[in-house]
Full PDB file with SEQRES, HELIX, SHEET, SSBOND, CRYST1, ORIGX, SCALE, CONECT and MASTER records, all heavy atoms in Angstrom:
SEQRES   1 A   33  GLY TYR ARG THR THR ALA ILE PRO GLY VAL PRO PHE ASP          
SEQRES   2 A   33  GLU ALA ALA GLY ARG PHE VAL ASN GLU ASP GLY ARG ILE          
SEQRES   3 A   33  GLY PRO GLY LEU TYR CYS VAL                                  
SHEET    1 AA1 2 PHE A  12  ASP A  13  0                                        
SHEET    2 AA1 2 ARG A  18  PHE A  19 -1                                        
SHEET    1 AA2 2 ARG A  25  GLY A  27  0                                        
SHEET    2 AA2 2 LEU A  30  TYR A  31 -1                                        
CRYST1    1.000    1.000    1.000  90.00  90.00  90.00 P 1           1          
ORIGX1      1.000000  0.000000  0.000000        0.00000                         
ORIGX2      0.000000  1.000000  0.000000        0.00000                         
ORIGX3      0.000000  0.000000  1.000000        0.00000                         
SCALE1      1.000000  0.000000  0.000000        0.00000                         
SCALE2      0.000000  1.000000  0.000000        0.00000                         
SCALE3      0.000000  0.000000  1.000000        0.00000                         
ATOM      1  N   GLY A   1      84.012  -7.774 -39.958  1.00  0.00           N  
ATOM      2  CA  GLY A   1      83.835  -6.348 -39.667  1.00  0.00           C  
ATOM      3  C   GLY A   1      83.490  -6.101 -38.221  1.00  0.00           C  
ATOM      4  O   GLY A   1      83.230  -7.018 -37.431  1.00  0.00           O  
ATOM      5  N   TYR A   2      83.480  -4.802 -37.860  1.00  0.00           N  
ATOM      6  CA  TYR A   2      83.304  -4.390 -36.472  1.00  0.00           C  
ATOM      7  C   TYR A   2      82.216  -3.336 -36.340  1.00  0.00           C  
ATOM      8  O   TYR A   2      81.765  -2.751 -37.311  1.00  0.00           O  
ATOM      9  CB  TYR A   2      84.641  -3.788 -35.949  1.00  0.00           C  
ATOM     10  CG  TYR A   2      85.796  -4.770 -36.029  1.00  0.00           C  
ATOM     11  CD1 TYR A   2      86.813  -4.575 -36.961  1.00  0.00           C  
ATOM     12  CD2 TYR A   2      85.864  -5.866 -35.213  1.00  0.00           C  
ATOM     13  CE1 TYR A   2      87.885  -5.460 -37.029  1.00  0.00           C  
ATOM     14  CE2 TYR A   2      86.920  -6.756 -35.278  1.00  0.00           C  
ATOM     15  CZ  TYR A   2      87.918  -6.556 -36.180  1.00  0.00           C  
ATOM     16  OH  TYR A   2      88.973  -7.442 -36.258  1.00  0.00           O  
ATOM     17  N   ARG A   3      81.839  -3.111 -35.083  1.00  0.00           N  
ATOM     18  CA  ARG A   3      80.825  -2.150 -34.768  1.00  0.00           C  
ATOM     19  C   ARG A   3      81.299  -1.275 -33.581  1.00  0.00           C  
ATOM     20  O   ARG A   3      82.004  -1.751 -32.702  1.00  0.00           O  
ATOM     21  CB  ARG A   3      79.516  -2.820 -34.319  1.00  0.00           C  
ATOM     22  CG  ARG A   3      78.824  -3.628 -35.357  1.00  0.00           C  
ATOM     23  CD  ARG A   3      77.686  -4.448 -34.755  1.00  0.00           C  
ATOM     24  NE  ARG A   3      76.778  -3.657 -33.954  1.00  0.00           N  
ATOM     25  CZ  ARG A   3      75.762  -2.975 -34.454  1.00  0.00           C  
ATOM     26  NH1 ARG A   3      75.511  -2.999 -35.767  1.00  0.00           N  
ATOM     27  NH2 ARG A   3      74.959  -2.275 -33.678  1.00  0.00           N  
ATOM     28  N   THR A   4      80.895  -0.016 -33.612  1.00  0.00           N  
ATOM     29  CA  THR A   4      81.106   0.832 -32.451  1.00  0.00           C  
ATOM     30  C   THR A   4      80.152   0.401 -31.344  1.00  0.00           C  
ATOM     31  O   THR A   4      79.049  -0.071 -31.617  1.00  0.00           O  
ATOM     32  CB  THR A   4      80.825   2.314 -32.841  1.00  0.00           C  
ATOM     33  OG1 THR A   4      81.766   2.700 -33.836  1.00  0.00           O  
ATOM     34  CG2 THR A   4      80.928   3.235 -31.638  1.00  0.00           C  
ATOM     35  N   THR A   5      80.577   0.525 -30.117  1.00  0.00           N  
ATOM     36  CA  THR A   5      79.729   0.202 -28.962  1.00  0.00           C  
ATOM     37  C   THR A   5      78.883   1.411 -28.604  1.00  0.00           C  
ATOM     38  O   THR A   5      79.402   2.527 -28.461  1.00  0.00           O  
ATOM     39  CB  THR A   5      80.577  -0.206 -27.765  1.00  0.00           C  
ATOM     40  OG1 THR A   5      81.420  -1.338 -28.128  1.00  0.00           O  
ATOM     41  CG2 THR A   5      79.722  -0.605 -26.596  1.00  0.00           C  
ATOM     42  N   ALA A   6      77.588   1.191 -28.463  1.00  0.00           N  
ATOM     43  CA  ALA A   6      76.671   2.284 -28.123  1.00  0.00           C  
ATOM     44  C   ALA A   6      76.970   2.815 -26.731  1.00  0.00           C  
ATOM     45  O   ALA A   6      77.481   2.088 -25.853  1.00  0.00           O  
ATOM     46  CB  ALA A   6      75.220   1.793 -28.183  1.00  0.00           C  
ATOM     47  N   ILE A   7      76.733   4.113 -26.531  1.00  0.00           N  
ATOM     48  CA  ILE A   7      76.940   4.776 -25.255  1.00  0.00           C  
ATOM     49  C   ILE A   7      75.620   5.411 -24.841  1.00  0.00           C  
ATOM     50  O   ILE A   7      74.981   6.074 -25.655  1.00  0.00           O  
ATOM     51  CB  ILE A   7      78.012   5.855 -25.373  1.00  0.00           C  
ATOM     52  CG1 ILE A   7      79.384   5.214 -25.691  1.00  0.00           C  
ATOM     53  CG2 ILE A   7      78.150   6.669 -24.072  1.00  0.00           C  
ATOM     54  CD1 ILE A   7      80.489   6.238 -25.977  1.00  0.00           C  
ATOM     55  N   PRO A   8      75.200   5.206 -23.578  1.00  0.00           N  
ATOM     56  CA  PRO A   8      73.934   5.795 -23.148  1.00  0.00           C  
ATOM     57  C   PRO A   8      73.906   7.300 -23.410  1.00  0.00           C  
ATOM     58  O   PRO A   8      74.851   8.019 -23.100  1.00  0.00           O  
ATOM     59  CB  PRO A   8      73.907   5.491 -21.639  1.00  0.00           C  
ATOM     60  CG  PRO A   8      74.748   4.264 -21.504  1.00  0.00           C  
ATOM     61  CD  PRO A   8      75.840   4.390 -22.537  1.00  0.00           C  
ATOM     62  N   GLY A   9      72.801   7.745 -24.005  1.00  0.00           N  
ATOM     63  CA  GLY A   9      72.624   9.174 -24.231  1.00  0.00           C  
ATOM     64  C   GLY A   9      73.159   9.673 -25.555  1.00  0.00           C  
ATOM     65  O   GLY A   9      73.029  10.868 -25.867  1.00  0.00           O  
ATOM     66  N   VAL A  10      73.772   8.784 -26.366  1.00  0.00           N  
ATOM     67  CA  VAL A  10      74.344   9.229 -27.638  1.00  0.00           C  
ATOM     68  C   VAL A  10      73.571   8.511 -28.763  1.00  0.00           C  
ATOM     69  O   VAL A  10      73.495   7.282 -28.794  1.00  0.00           O  
ATOM     70  CB  VAL A  10      75.845   8.861 -27.732  1.00  0.00           C  
ATOM     71  CG1 VAL A  10      76.415   9.339 -29.061  1.00  0.00           C  
ATOM     72  CG2 VAL A  10      76.612   9.458 -26.573  1.00  0.00           C  
ATOM     73  N   PRO A  11      73.001   9.259 -29.730  1.00  0.00           N  
ATOM     74  CA  PRO A  11      72.268   8.621 -30.837  1.00  0.00           C  
ATOM     75  C   PRO A  11      73.136   7.633 -31.585  1.00  0.00           C  
ATOM     76  O   PRO A  11      74.293   7.918 -31.911  1.00  0.00           O  
ATOM     77  CB  PRO A  11      71.890   9.828 -31.734  1.00  0.00           C  
ATOM     78  CG  PRO A  11      71.941  11.023 -30.840  1.00  0.00           C  
ATOM     79  CD  PRO A  11      73.025  10.736 -29.854  1.00  0.00           C  
ATOM     80  N   PHE A  12      72.572   6.453 -31.862  1.00  0.00           N  
ATOM     81  CA  PHE A  12      73.362   5.353 -32.435  1.00  0.00           C  
ATOM     82  C   PHE A  12      72.619   4.759 -33.618  1.00  0.00           C  
ATOM     83  O   PHE A  12      71.397   4.529 -33.585  1.00  0.00           O  
ATOM     84  CB  PHE A  12      73.597   4.282 -31.374  1.00  0.00           C  
ATOM     85  CG  PHE A  12      74.602   3.225 -31.777  1.00  0.00           C  
ATOM     86  CD1 PHE A  12      75.957   3.538 -31.815  1.00  0.00           C  
ATOM     87  CD2 PHE A  12      74.192   1.967 -32.134  1.00  0.00           C  
ATOM     88  CE1 PHE A  12      76.906   2.581 -32.180  1.00  0.00           C  
ATOM     89  CE2 PHE A  12      75.134   1.014 -32.510  1.00  0.00           C  
ATOM     90  CZ  PHE A  12      76.485   1.318 -32.540  1.00  0.00           C  
ATOM     91  N   ASP A  13      73.343   4.536 -34.697  1.00  0.00           N  
ATOM     92  CA  ASP A  13      72.825   3.925 -35.929  1.00  0.00           C  
ATOM     93  C   ASP A  13      73.088   2.424 -35.843  1.00  0.00           C  
ATOM     94  O   ASP A  13      74.219   1.972 -36.108  1.00  0.00           O  
ATOM     95  CB  ASP A  13      73.491   4.556 -37.151  1.00  0.00           C  
ATOM     96  CG  ASP A  13      72.931   4.042 -38.463  1.00  0.00           C  
ATOM     97  OD1 ASP A  13      72.333   2.938 -38.491  1.00  0.00           O  
ATOM     98  OD2 ASP A  13      73.092   4.726 -39.480  1.00  0.00           O  
ATOM     99  N   GLU A  14      72.097   1.635 -35.491  1.00  0.00           N  
ATOM    100  CA  GLU A  14      72.277   0.207 -35.312  1.00  0.00           C  
ATOM    101  C   GLU A  14      72.695  -0.481 -36.613  1.00  0.00           C  
ATOM    102  O   GLU A  14      73.522  -1.382 -36.594  1.00  0.00           O  
ATOM    103  CB  GLU A  14      71.001  -0.442 -34.770  1.00  0.00           C  
ATOM    104  CG  GLU A  14      70.686  -0.106 -33.328  1.00  0.00           C  
ATOM    105  CD  GLU A  14      71.616  -0.832 -32.370  1.00  0.00           C  
ATOM    106  OE1 GLU A  14      72.331  -1.750 -32.815  1.00  0.00           O  
ATOM    107  OE2 GLU A  14      71.628  -0.484 -31.176  1.00  0.00           O  
ATOM    108  N   ALA A  15      72.105  -0.060 -37.712  1.00  0.00           N  
ATOM    109  CA  ALA A  15      72.406  -0.723 -38.970  1.00  0.00           C  
ATOM    110  C   ALA A  15      73.840  -0.500 -39.401  1.00  0.00           C  
ATOM    111  O   ALA A  15      74.536  -1.420 -39.873  1.00  0.00           O  
ATOM    112  CB  ALA A  15      71.453  -0.203 -40.070  1.00  0.00           C  
ATOM    113  N   ALA A  16      74.343   0.719 -39.243  1.00  0.00           N  
ATOM    114  CA  ALA A  16      75.698   1.064 -39.637  1.00  0.00           C  
ATOM    115  C   ALA A  16      76.736   0.723 -38.552  1.00  0.00           C  
ATOM    116  O   ALA A  16      77.930   0.677 -38.843  1.00  0.00           O  
ATOM    117  CB  ALA A  16      75.799   2.544 -40.003  1.00  0.00           C  
ATOM    118  N   GLY A  17      76.268   0.546 -37.314  1.00  0.00           N  
ATOM    119  CA  GLY A  17      77.190   0.244 -36.222  1.00  0.00           C  
ATOM    120  C   GLY A  17      78.082   1.414 -35.840  1.00  0.00           C  
ATOM    121  O   GLY A  17      79.235   1.225 -35.469  1.00  0.00           O  
ATOM    122  N   ARG A  18      77.543   2.646 -35.876  1.00  0.00           N  
ATOM    123  CA  ARG A  18      78.307   3.836 -35.528  1.00  0.00           C  
ATOM    124  C   ARG A  18      77.367   4.879 -34.963  1.00  0.00           C  
ATOM    125  O   ARG A  18      76.133   4.734 -35.032  1.00  0.00           O  
ATOM    126  CB  ARG A  18      79.061   4.369 -36.738  1.00  0.00           C  
ATOM    127  CG  ARG A  18      78.152   4.703 -37.922  1.00  0.00           C  
ATOM    128  CD  ARG A  18      78.904   5.326 -39.067  1.00  0.00           C  
ATOM    129  NE  ARG A  18      78.096   5.511 -40.248  1.00  0.00           N  
ATOM    130  CZ  ARG A  18      77.191   6.468 -40.420  1.00  0.00           C  
ATOM    131  NH1 ARG A  18      76.952   7.347 -39.453  1.00  0.00           N  
ATOM    132  NH2 ARG A  18      76.498   6.560 -41.538  1.00  0.00           N  
ATOM    133  N   PHE A  19      77.939   6.002 -34.458  1.00  0.00           N  
ATOM    134  CA  PHE A  19      77.126   7.063 -33.930  1.00  0.00           C  
ATOM    135  C   PHE A  19      76.458   7.862 -35.066  1.00  0.00           C  
ATOM    136  O   PHE A  19      77.057   8.059 -36.123  1.00  0.00           O  
ATOM    137  CB  PHE A  19      77.946   7.981 -33.027  1.00  0.00           C  
ATOM    138  CG  PHE A  19      78.500   7.296 -31.840  1.00  0.00           C  
ATOM    139  CD1 PHE A  19      79.880   7.214 -31.649  1.00  0.00           C  
ATOM    140  CD2 PHE A  19      77.676   6.715 -30.879  1.00  0.00           C  
ATOM    141  CE1 PHE A  19      80.408   6.573 -30.541  1.00  0.00           C  
ATOM    142  CE2 PHE A  19      78.200   6.083 -29.779  1.00  0.00           C  
ATOM    143  CZ  PHE A  19      79.573   5.978 -29.612  1.00  0.00           C  
ATOM    144  N   VAL A  20      75.260   8.320 -34.809  1.00  0.00           N  
ATOM    145  CA  VAL A  20      74.561   9.177 -35.771  1.00  0.00           C  
ATOM    146  C   VAL A  20      75.258  10.535 -35.753  1.00  0.00           C  
ATOM    147  O   VAL A  20      75.422  11.160 -34.708  1.00  0.00           O  
ATOM    148  CB  VAL A  20      73.083   9.342 -35.395  1.00  0.00           C  
ATOM    149  CG1 VAL A  20      72.384  10.309 -36.345  1.00  0.00           C  
ATOM    150  CG2 VAL A  20      72.383   7.973 -35.390  1.00  0.00           C  
ATOM    151  N   ASN A  21      75.691  10.993 -36.920  1.00  0.00           N  
ATOM    152  CA  ASN A  21      76.413  12.272 -36.984  1.00  0.00           C  
ATOM    153  C   ASN A  21      76.323  12.896 -38.348  1.00  0.00           C  
ATOM    154  O   ASN A  21      76.055  12.218 -39.342  1.00  0.00           O  
ATOM    155  CB  ASN A  21      77.892  12.062 -36.608  1.00  0.00           C  
ATOM    156  CG  ASN A  21      78.660  11.307 -37.679  1.00  0.00           C  
ATOM    157  OD1 ASN A  21      79.316  11.925 -38.542  1.00  0.00           O  
ATOM    158  ND2 ASN A  21      78.613   9.983 -37.662  1.00  0.00           N  
ATOM    159  N   GLU A  22      76.565  14.209 -38.400  1.00  0.00           N  
ATOM    160  CA  GLU A  22      76.687  14.922 -39.662  1.00  0.00           C  
ATOM    161  C   GLU A  22      78.102  15.446 -39.765  1.00  0.00           C  
ATOM    162  O   GLU A  22      78.487  16.408 -39.072  1.00  0.00           O  
ATOM    163  CB  GLU A  22      75.695  16.091 -39.711  1.00  0.00           C  
ATOM    164  CG  GLU A  22      74.235  15.665 -39.868  1.00  0.00           C  
ATOM    165  CD  GLU A  22      73.317  16.848 -40.065  1.00  0.00           C  
ATOM    166  OE1 GLU A  22      73.846  17.955 -40.411  1.00  0.00           O  
ATOM    167  OE2 GLU A  22      72.109  16.705 -39.881  1.00  0.00           O  
ATOM    168  N   ASP A  23      78.922  14.763 -40.562  1.00  0.00           N  
ATOM    169  CA  ASP A  23      80.304  15.141 -40.753  1.00  0.00           C  
ATOM    170  C   ASP A  23      81.031  15.303 -39.409  1.00  0.00           C  
ATOM    171  O   ASP A  23      81.801  16.228 -39.176  1.00  0.00           O  
ATOM    172  CB  ASP A  23      80.402  16.444 -41.563  1.00  0.00           C  
ATOM    173  CG  ASP A  23      81.826  16.682 -42.070  1.00  0.00           C  
ATOM    174  OD1 ASP A  23      82.556  15.683 -42.256  1.00  0.00           O  
ATOM    175  OD2 ASP A  23      82.186  17.853 -42.282  1.00  0.00           O  
ATOM    176  N   GLY A  24      80.745  14.377 -38.485  1.00  0.00           N  
ATOM    177  CA  GLY A  24      81.449  14.354 -37.208  1.00  0.00           C  
ATOM    178  C   GLY A  24      80.721  15.048 -36.068  1.00  0.00           C  
ATOM    179  O   GLY A  24      81.093  14.892 -34.904  1.00  0.00           O  
ATOM    180  N   ARG A  25      79.654  15.765 -36.366  1.00  0.00           N  
ATOM    181  CA  ARG A  25      78.925  16.476 -35.314  1.00  0.00           C  
ATOM    182  C   ARG A  25      77.676  15.691 -34.936  1.00  0.00           C  
ATOM    183  O   ARG A  25      76.814  15.419 -35.767  1.00  0.00           O  
ATOM    184  CB  ARG A  25      78.520  17.880 -35.771  1.00  0.00           C  
ATOM    185  CG  ARG A  25      77.976  18.759 -34.676  1.00  0.00           C  
ATOM    186  CD  ARG A  25      77.731  20.190 -35.237  1.00  0.00           C  
ATOM    187  NE  ARG A  25      77.503  21.156 -34.180  1.00  0.00           N  
ATOM    188  CZ  ARG A  25      76.282  21.477 -33.718  1.00  0.00           C  
ATOM    189  NH1 ARG A  25      75.225  20.845 -34.210  1.00  0.00           N  
ATOM    190  NH2 ARG A  25      76.144  22.369 -32.797  1.00  0.00           N  
ATOM    191  N   ILE A  26      77.600  15.302 -33.664  1.00  0.00           N  
ATOM    192  CA  ILE A  26      76.447  14.548 -33.155  1.00  0.00           C  
ATOM    193  C   ILE A  26      75.387  15.515 -32.631  1.00  0.00           C  
ATOM    194  O   ILE A  26      74.179  15.358 -32.883  1.00  0.00           O  
ATOM    195  CB  ILE A  26      76.871  13.588 -32.030  1.00  0.00           C  
ATOM    196  CG1 ILE A  26      77.886  12.565 -32.579  1.00  0.00           C  
ATOM    197  CG2 ILE A  26      75.646  12.854 -31.459  1.00  0.00           C  
ATOM    198  CD1 ILE A  26      78.513  11.691 -31.523  1.00  0.00           C  
ATOM    199  N   GLY A  27      75.801  16.531 -31.908  1.00  0.00           N  
ATOM    200  CA  GLY A  27      74.901  17.538 -31.336  1.00  0.00           C  
ATOM    201  C   GLY A  27      75.733  18.619 -30.711  1.00  0.00           C  
ATOM    202  O   GLY A  27      76.981  18.610 -30.812  1.00  0.00           O  
ATOM    203  N   PRO A  28      75.114  19.599 -30.076  1.00  0.00           N  
ATOM    204  CA  PRO A  28      75.873  20.701 -29.470  1.00  0.00           C  
ATOM    205  C   PRO A  28      76.950  20.211 -28.508  1.00  0.00           C  
ATOM    206  O   PRO A  28      76.653  19.497 -27.538  1.00  0.00           O  
ATOM    207  CB  PRO A  28      74.793  21.502 -28.744  1.00  0.00           C  
ATOM    208  CG  PRO A  28      73.531  21.170 -29.462  1.00  0.00           C  
ATOM    209  CD  PRO A  28      73.665  19.767 -29.906  1.00  0.00           C  
ATOM    210  N   GLY A  29      78.183  20.522 -28.845  1.00  0.00           N  
ATOM    211  CA  GLY A  29      79.316  20.160 -27.980  1.00  0.00           C  
ATOM    212  C   GLY A  29      79.695  18.698 -28.006  1.00  0.00           C  
ATOM    213  O   GLY A  29      80.584  18.276 -27.258  1.00  0.00           O  
ATOM    214  N   LEU A  30      79.093  17.887 -28.884  1.00  0.00           N  
ATOM    215  CA  LEU A  30      79.371  16.472 -28.956  1.00  0.00           C  
ATOM    216  C   LEU A  30      79.686  16.045 -30.367  1.00  0.00           C  
ATOM    217  O   LEU A  30      78.897  16.322 -31.299  1.00  0.00           O  
ATOM    218  CB  LEU A  30      78.163  15.691 -28.423  1.00  0.00           C  
ATOM    219  CG  LEU A  30      78.330  14.151 -28.294  1.00  0.00           C  
ATOM    220  CD1 LEU A  30      79.453  13.816 -27.342  1.00  0.00           C  
ATOM    221  CD2 LEU A  30      77.006  13.522 -27.871  1.00  0.00           C  
ATOM    222  N   TYR A  31      80.826  15.383 -30.542  1.00  0.00           N  
ATOM    223  CA  TYR A  31      81.344  15.035 -31.868  1.00  0.00           C  
ATOM    224  C   TYR A  31      81.836  13.589 -31.851  1.00  0.00           C  
ATOM    225  O   TYR A  31      81.979  12.954 -30.810  1.00  0.00           O  
ATOM    226  CB  TYR A  31      82.493  15.984 -32.245  1.00  0.00           C  
ATOM    227  CG  TYR A  31      82.143  17.419 -32.153  1.00  0.00           C  
ATOM    228  CD1 TYR A  31      82.192  18.108 -30.899  1.00  0.00           C  
ATOM    229  CD2 TYR A  31      81.768  18.158 -33.261  1.00  0.00           C  
ATOM    230  CE1 TYR A  31      81.861  19.445 -30.806  1.00  0.00           C  
ATOM    231  CE2 TYR A  31      81.432  19.502 -33.163  1.00  0.00           C  
ATOM    232  CZ  TYR A  31      81.489  20.142 -31.924  1.00  0.00           C  
ATOM    233  OH  TYR A  31      81.140  21.468 -31.835  1.00  0.00           O  
ATOM    234  N   CYS A  32      82.147  13.087 -33.036  1.00  0.00           N  
ATOM    235  CA  CYS A  32      82.783  11.784 -33.141  1.00  0.00           C  
ATOM    236  C   CYS A  32      83.782  11.789 -34.305  1.00  0.00           C  
ATOM    237  O   CYS A  32      83.698  12.646 -35.196  1.00  0.00           O  
ATOM    238  CB  CYS A  32      81.755  10.653 -33.322  1.00  0.00           C  
ATOM    239  SG  CYS A  32      80.662  10.846 -34.735  1.00  0.00           S  
ATOM    240  N   VAL A  33      84.716  10.836 -34.256  1.00  0.00           N  
ATOM    241  CA  VAL A  33      85.820  10.841 -35.202  1.00  0.00           C  
ATOM    242  C   VAL A  33      86.248   9.400 -35.423  1.00  0.00           C  
ATOM    243  O   VAL A  33      86.017   8.525 -34.593  1.00  0.00           O  
ATOM    244  CB  VAL A  33      86.970  11.712 -34.669  1.00  0.00           C  
ATOM    245  CG1 VAL A  33      87.637  11.064 -33.471  1.00  0.00           C  
ATOM    246  CG2 VAL A  33      88.000  12.005 -35.765  1.00  0.00           C  
TER     247      VAL A  33                                                      
MASTER        0    0    0    0    4    0    0    6  246    1    0    3          
END                                                                             
């Protein structure tokens, strides 16, 4: 398996290996897919 690479300033879920998000929304104006 693989992990997303953390980016400075973006909340990251170390256990899941992906960005912290709610249905793709990380924060105001910031999303992931």
